Amino acid sequence: VYYCAARTVTYSSALNAATYAHWG
């Protein structure tokens, strides 16, 4: 299952799912 996600912060790594606040 493929998900897109939106990240609103710039800290930490964009590879970490926990830093994405919004998900499809």
PDB file of all heavy atoms in Angstrom:
ATOM      1  N   VAL A   1       0.863  -1.168   0.000  1.00  0.00           N
ATOM      2  CA  VAL A   1       0.000   0.000   0.000  1.00  0.00           C
ATOM      3  C   VAL A   1       0.904   1.224   0.000  1.00  0.00           C
ATOM      4  O   VAL A   1       1.785   1.345   0.849  1.00  0.00           O
ATOM      5  CB  VAL A   1      -0.936   0.023   1.212  1.00  0.00           C
ATOM      6  CG1 VAL A   1      -1.752   1.310   1.239  1.00  0.00           C
ATOM      7  CG2 VAL A   1      -1.859  -1.184   1.185  1.00  0.00           C
ATOM      8  N   TYR A   2       0.694   2.112  -0.943  1.00  0.00           N
ATOM      9  CA  TYR A   2       1.519   3.297  -1.074  1.00  0.00           C
ATOM     10  C   TYR A   2       0.795   4.505  -0.503  1.00  0.00           C
ATOM     11  O   TYR A   2      -0.369   4.754  -0.813  1.00  0.00           O
ATOM     12  CB  TYR A   2       1.884   3.544  -2.544  1.00  0.00           C
ATOM     13  CG  TYR A   2       2.979   2.632  -3.027  1.00  0.00           C
ATOM     14  CD1 TYR A   2       2.730   1.280  -3.243  1.00  0.00           C
ATOM     15  CD2 TYR A   2       4.270   3.110  -3.247  1.00  0.00           C
ATOM     16  CE1 TYR A   2       3.736   0.428  -3.656  1.00  0.00           C
ATOM     17  CE2 TYR A   2       5.279   2.268  -3.662  1.00  0.00           C
ATOM     18  CZ  TYR A   2       5.011   0.929  -3.869  1.00  0.00           C
ATOM     19  OH  TYR A   2       6.015   0.089  -4.281  1.00  0.00           O
ATOM     20  N   TYR A   3       1.488   5.255   0.337  1.00  0.00           N
ATOM     21  CA  TYR A   3       0.943   6.429   0.994  1.00  0.00           C
ATOM     22  C   TYR A   3       1.724   7.675   0.601  1.00  0.00           C
ATOM     23  O   TYR A   3       2.948   7.640   0.512  1.00  0.00           O
ATOM     24  CB  TYR A   3       1.025   6.296   2.521  1.00  0.00           C
ATOM     25  CG  TYR A   3       0.261   5.141   3.106  1.00  0.00           C
ATOM     26  CD1 TYR A   3       0.859   3.893   3.262  1.00  0.00           C
ATOM     27  CD2 TYR A   3      -1.051   5.303   3.526  1.00  0.00           C
ATOM     28  CE1 TYR A   3       0.168   2.830   3.816  1.00  0.00           C
ATOM     29  CE2 TYR A   3      -1.751   4.255   4.082  1.00  0.00           C
ATOM     30  CZ  TYR A   3      -1.135   3.019   4.223  1.00  0.00           C
ATOM     31  OH  TYR A   3      -1.827   1.970   4.782  1.00  0.00           O
ATOM     32  N   CYS A   4       1.024   8.768   0.391  1.00  0.00           N
ATOM     33  CA  CYS A   4       1.698  10.055   0.329  1.00  0.00           C
ATOM     34  C   CYS A   4       1.528  10.755   1.662  1.00  0.00           C
ATOM     35  O   CYS A   4       0.566  10.502   2.400  1.00  0.00           O
ATOM     36  CB  CYS A   4       1.186  10.928  -0.827  1.00  0.00           C
ATOM     37  SG  CYS A   4      -0.526  11.472  -0.695  1.00  0.00           S
ATOM     38  N   ALA A   5       2.469  11.611   2.001  1.00  0.00           N
ATOM     39  CA  ALA A   5       2.454  12.287   3.282  1.00  0.00           C
ATOM     40  C   ALA A   5       3.027  13.686   3.130  1.00  0.00           C
ATOM     41  O   ALA A   5       3.894  13.923   2.288  1.00  0.00           O
ATOM     42  CB  ALA A   5       3.262  11.494   4.316  1.00  0.00           C
ATOM     43  N   ALA A   6       2.536  14.605   3.954  1.00  0.00           N
ATOM     44  CA  ALA A   6       2.979  15.994   3.932  1.00  0.00           C
ATOM     45  C   ALA A   6       3.743  16.316   5.200  1.00  0.00           C
ATOM     46  O   ALA A   6       3.268  16.052   6.302  1.00  0.00           O
ATOM     47  CB  ALA A   6       1.786  16.931   3.775  1.00  0.00           C
ATOM     48  N   ARG A   7       4.901  16.887   5.031  1.00  0.00           N
ATOM     49  CA  ARG A   7       5.769  17.267   6.134  1.00  0.00           C
ATOM     50  C   ARG A   7       5.775  18.787   6.241  1.00  0.00           C
ATOM     51  O   ARG A   7       5.995  19.488   5.252  1.00  0.00           O
ATOM     52  CB  ARG A   7       7.171  16.709   5.885  1.00  0.00           C
ATOM     53  CG  ARG A   7       8.257  17.140   6.824  1.00  0.00           C
ATOM     54  CD  ARG A   7       9.555  16.446   6.404  1.00  0.00           C
ATOM     55  NE  ARG A   7      10.735  17.164   6.855  1.00  0.00           N
ATOM     56  CZ  ARG A   7      11.470  16.821   7.900  1.00  0.00           C
ATOM     57  NH1 ARG A   7      11.159  15.766   8.623  1.00  0.00           N
ATOM     58  NH2 ARG A   7      12.528  17.540   8.229  1.00  0.00           N
ATOM     59  N   THR A   8       5.539  19.308   7.434  1.00  0.00           N
ATOM     60  CA  THR A   8       5.458  20.748   7.647  1.00  0.00           C
ATOM     61  C   THR A   8       6.623  21.292   8.464  1.00  0.00           C
ATOM     62  O   THR A   8       6.699  22.500   8.684  1.00  0.00           O
ATOM     63  CB  THR A   8       4.144  21.130   8.340  1.00  0.00           C
ATOM     64  OG1 THR A   8       4.064  20.479   9.605  1.00  0.00           O
ATOM     65  CG2 THR A   8       2.956  20.727   7.482  1.00  0.00           C
ATOM     66  N   VAL A   9       7.523  20.440   8.914  1.00  0.00           N
ATOM     67  CA  VAL A   9       8.682  20.855   9.690  1.00  0.00           C
ATOM     68  C   VAL A   9       9.940  20.677   8.859  1.00  0.00           C
ATOM     69  O   VAL A   9       9.946  19.987   7.834  1.00  0.00           O
ATOM     70  CB  VAL A   9       8.806  20.066  11.008  1.00  0.00           C
ATOM     71  CG1 VAL A   9       7.586  20.304  11.874  1.00  0.00           C
ATOM     72  CG2 VAL A   9       8.972  18.575  10.720  1.00  0.00           C
ATOM     73  N   THR A  10      11.025  21.323   9.296  1.00  0.00           N
ATOM     74  CA  THR A  10      12.296  21.225   8.591  1.00  0.00           C
ATOM     75  C   THR A  10      13.370  20.536   9.412  1.00  0.00           C
ATOM     76  O   THR A  10      14.442  20.248   8.886  1.00  0.00           O
ATOM     77  CB  THR A  10      12.808  22.613   8.181  1.00  0.00           C
ATOM     78  OG1 THR A  10      12.947  23.436   9.339  1.00  0.00           O
ATOM     79  CG2 THR A  10      11.842  23.270   7.203  1.00  0.00           C
ATOM     80  N   TYR A  11      13.094  20.276  10.694  1.00  0.00           N
ATOM     81  CA  TYR A  11      14.067  19.603  11.529  1.00  0.00           C
ATOM     82  C   TYR A  11      13.999  18.097  11.328  1.00  0.00           C
ATOM     83  O   TYR A  11      13.046  17.581  10.752  1.00  0.00           O
ATOM     84  CB  TYR A  11      13.863  19.960  13.011  1.00  0.00           C
ATOM     85  CG  TYR A  11      12.512  19.595  13.573  1.00  0.00           C
ATOM     86  CD1 TYR A  11      12.235  18.307  14.004  1.00  0.00           C
ATOM     87  CD2 TYR A  11      11.514  20.561  13.686  1.00  0.00           C
ATOM     88  CE1 TYR A  11      11.003  17.978  14.517  1.00  0.00           C
ATOM     89  CE2 TYR A  11      10.280  20.246  14.206  1.00  0.00           C
ATOM     90  CZ  TYR A  11      10.027  18.945  14.620  1.00  0.00           C
ATOM     91  OH  TYR A  11       8.797  18.622  15.137  1.00  0.00           O
ATOM     92  N   SER A  12      15.016  17.421  11.824  1.00  0.00           N
ATOM     93  CA  SER A  12      15.144  15.973  11.699  1.00  0.00           C
ATOM     94  C   SER A  12      15.241  15.577  10.229  1.00  0.00           C
ATOM     95  O   SER A  12      15.437  16.420   9.347  1.00  0.00           O
ATOM     96  CB  SER A  12      13.981  15.271  12.401  1.00  0.00           C
ATOM     97  OG  SER A  12      14.223  13.877  12.518  1.00  0.00           O
ATOM     98  N   SER A  13      15.072  14.304   9.950  1.00  0.00           N
ATOM     99  CA  SER A  13      15.244  13.781   8.599  1.00  0.00           C
ATOM    100  C   SER A  13      13.906  13.566   7.919  1.00  0.00           C
ATOM    101  O   SER A  13      12.968  13.042   8.520  1.00  0.00           O
ATOM    102  CB  SER A  13      16.022  12.468   8.638  1.00  0.00           C
ATOM    103  OG  SER A  13      16.076  11.868   7.353  1.00  0.00           O
ATOM    104  N   ALA A  14      13.818  13.937   6.650  1.00  0.00           N
ATOM    105  CA  ALA A  14      12.610  13.709   5.871  1.00  0.00           C
ATOM    106  C   ALA A  14      12.382  12.236   5.572  1.00  0.00           C
ATOM    107  O   ALA A  14      11.327  11.868   5.056  1.00  0.00           O
ATOM    108  CB  ALA A  14      12.673  14.499   4.569  1.00  0.00           C
ATOM    109  N   LEU A  15      13.356  11.388   5.899  1.00  0.00           N
ATOM    110  CA  LEU A  15      13.193   9.950   5.727  1.00  0.00           C
ATOM    111  C   LEU A  15      12.368   9.323   6.842  1.00  0.00           C
ATOM    112  O   LEU A  15      11.925   8.181   6.714  1.00  0.00           O
ATOM    113  CB  LEU A  15      14.555   9.256   5.673  1.00  0.00           C
ATOM    114  CG  LEU A  15      15.305   9.243   4.339  1.00  0.00           C
ATOM    115  CD1 LEU A  15      15.680  10.658   3.902  1.00  0.00           C
ATOM    116  CD2 LEU A  15      16.554   8.378   4.442  1.00  0.00           C
ATOM    117  N   ASN A  16      12.163  10.053   7.942  1.00  0.00           N
ATOM    118  CA  ASN A  16      11.448   9.538   9.099  1.00  0.00           C
ATOM    119  C   ASN A  16       9.953   9.803   8.965  1.00  0.00           C
ATOM    120  O   ASN A  16       9.519  10.957   8.913  1.00  0.00           O
ATOM    121  CB  ASN A  16      11.980  10.171  10.383  1.00  0.00           C
ATOM    122  CG  ASN A  16      13.411   9.781  10.674  1.00  0.00           C
ATOM    123  OD1 ASN A  16      13.843   8.690  10.318  1.00  0.00           O
ATOM    124  ND2 ASN A  16      14.154  10.666  11.322  1.00  0.00           N
ATOM    125  N   ALA A  17       9.166   8.743   8.941  1.00  0.00           N
ATOM    126  CA  ALA A  17       7.722   8.882   8.796  1.00  0.00           C
ATOM    127  C   ALA A  17       7.104   9.676   9.927  1.00  0.00           C
ATOM    128  O   ALA A  17       6.091  10.350   9.725  1.00  0.00           O
ATOM    129  CB  ALA A  17       7.084   7.489   8.707  1.00  0.00           C
ATOM    130  N   ALA A  18       7.700   9.617  11.117  1.00  0.00           N
ATOM    131  CA  ALA A  18       7.143  10.293  12.278  1.00  0.00           C
ATOM    132  C   ALA A  18       7.147  11.803  12.132  1.00  0.00           C
ATOM    133  O   ALA A  18       6.433  12.494  12.863  1.00  0.00           O
ATOM    134  CB  ALA A  18       7.899   9.880  13.536  1.00  0.00           C
ATOM    135  N   THR A  19       7.934  12.349  11.215  1.00  0.00           N
ATOM    136  CA  THR A  19       7.994  13.797  11.034  1.00  0.00           C
ATOM    137  C   THR A  19       6.942  14.317  10.054  1.00  0.00           C
ATOM    138  O   THR A  19       6.859  15.523   9.844  1.00  0.00           O
ATOM    139  CB  THR A  19       9.386  14.232  10.550  1.00  0.00           C
ATOM    140  OG1 THR A  19       9.637  13.710   9.239  1.00  0.00           O
ATOM    141  CG2 THR A  19      10.465  13.733  11.506  1.00  0.00           C
ATOM    142  N   TYR A  20       6.149  13.435   9.470  1.00  0.00           N
ATOM    143  CA  TYR A  20       5.093  13.834   8.545  1.00  0.00           C
ATOM    144  C   TYR A  20       3.767  13.925   9.295  1.00  0.00           C
ATOM    145  O   TYR A  20       3.333  12.949   9.909  1.00  0.00           O
ATOM    146  CB  TYR A  20       4.985  12.847   7.385  1.00  0.00           C
ATOM    147  CG  TYR A  20       6.155  12.916   6.433  1.00  0.00           C
ATOM    148  CD1 TYR A  20       7.375  12.335   6.754  1.00  0.00           C
ATOM    149  CD2 TYR A  20       6.036  13.575   5.213  1.00  0.00           C
ATOM    150  CE1 TYR A  20       8.449  12.414   5.886  1.00  0.00           C
ATOM    151  CE2 TYR A  20       7.103  13.654   4.339  1.00  0.00           C
ATOM    152  CZ  TYR A  20       8.313  13.068   4.673  1.00  0.00           C
ATOM    153  OH  TYR A  20       9.377  13.141   3.813  1.00  0.00           O
ATOM    154  N   ALA A  21       3.120  15.071   9.221  1.00  0.00           N
ATOM    155  CA  ALA A  21       1.916  15.325  10.007  1.00  0.00           C
ATOM    156  C   ALA A  21       0.634  14.870   9.322  1.00  0.00           C
ATOM    157  O   ALA A  21      -0.366  14.602   9.996  1.00  0.00           O
ATOM    158  CB  ALA A  21       1.815  16.814  10.335  1.00  0.00           C
ATOM    159  N   HIS A  22       0.637  14.787   8.010  1.00  0.00           N
ATOM    160  CA  HIS A  22      -0.580  14.492   7.265  1.00  0.00           C
ATOM    161  C   HIS A  22      -0.344  13.341   6.302  1.00  0.00           C
ATOM    162  O   HIS A  22       0.687  13.285   5.631  1.00  0.00           O
ATOM    163  CB  HIS A  22      -1.060  15.733   6.500  1.00  0.00           C
ATOM    164  CG  HIS A  22      -1.193  16.947   7.351  1.00  0.00           C
ATOM    165  ND1 HIS A  22      -2.254  17.137   8.207  1.00  0.00           N
ATOM    166  CD2 HIS A  22      -0.384  18.025   7.501  1.00  0.00           C
ATOM    167  CE1 HIS A  22      -2.107  18.283   8.836  1.00  0.00           C
ATOM    168  NE2 HIS A  22      -0.984  18.849   8.433  1.00  0.00           N
ATOM    169  N   TRP A  23      -1.324  12.455   6.237  1.00  0.00           N
ATOM    170  CA  TRP A  23      -1.215  11.244   5.438  1.00  0.00           C
ATOM    171  C   TRP A  23      -2.471  11.009   4.619  1.00  0.00           C
ATOM    172  O   TRP A  23      -3.579  11.333   5.044  1.00  0.00           O
ATOM    173  CB  TRP A  23      -0.979  10.026   6.340  1.00  0.00           C
ATOM    174  CG  TRP A  23       0.337  10.048   7.039  1.00  0.00           C
ATOM    175  CD1 TRP A  23       0.659  10.750   8.163  1.00  0.00           C
ATOM    176  CD2 TRP A  23       1.515   9.342   6.650  1.00  0.00           C
ATOM    177  NE1 TRP A  23       1.969  10.521   8.501  1.00  0.00           N
ATOM    178  CE2 TRP A  23       2.515   9.666   7.594  1.00  0.00           C
ATOM    179  CE3 TRP A  23       1.822   8.468   5.603  1.00  0.00           C
ATOM    180  CZ2 TRP A  23       3.810   9.135   7.518  1.00  0.00           C
ATOM    181  CZ3 TRP A  23       3.097   7.942   5.528  1.00  0.00           C
ATOM    182  CH2 TRP A  23       4.075   8.282   6.481  1.00  0.00           C
ATOM    183  N   GLY A  24      -2.278  10.424   3.441  1.00  0.00           N
ATOM    184  CA  GLY A  24      -3.400   9.969   2.654  1.00  0.00           C
ATOM    185  C   GLY A  24      -3.874   8.613   3.130  1.00  0.00           C
ATOM    186  O   GLY A  24      -3.311   8.021   4.055  1.00  0.00           O
TER     187      GLY A  24
END
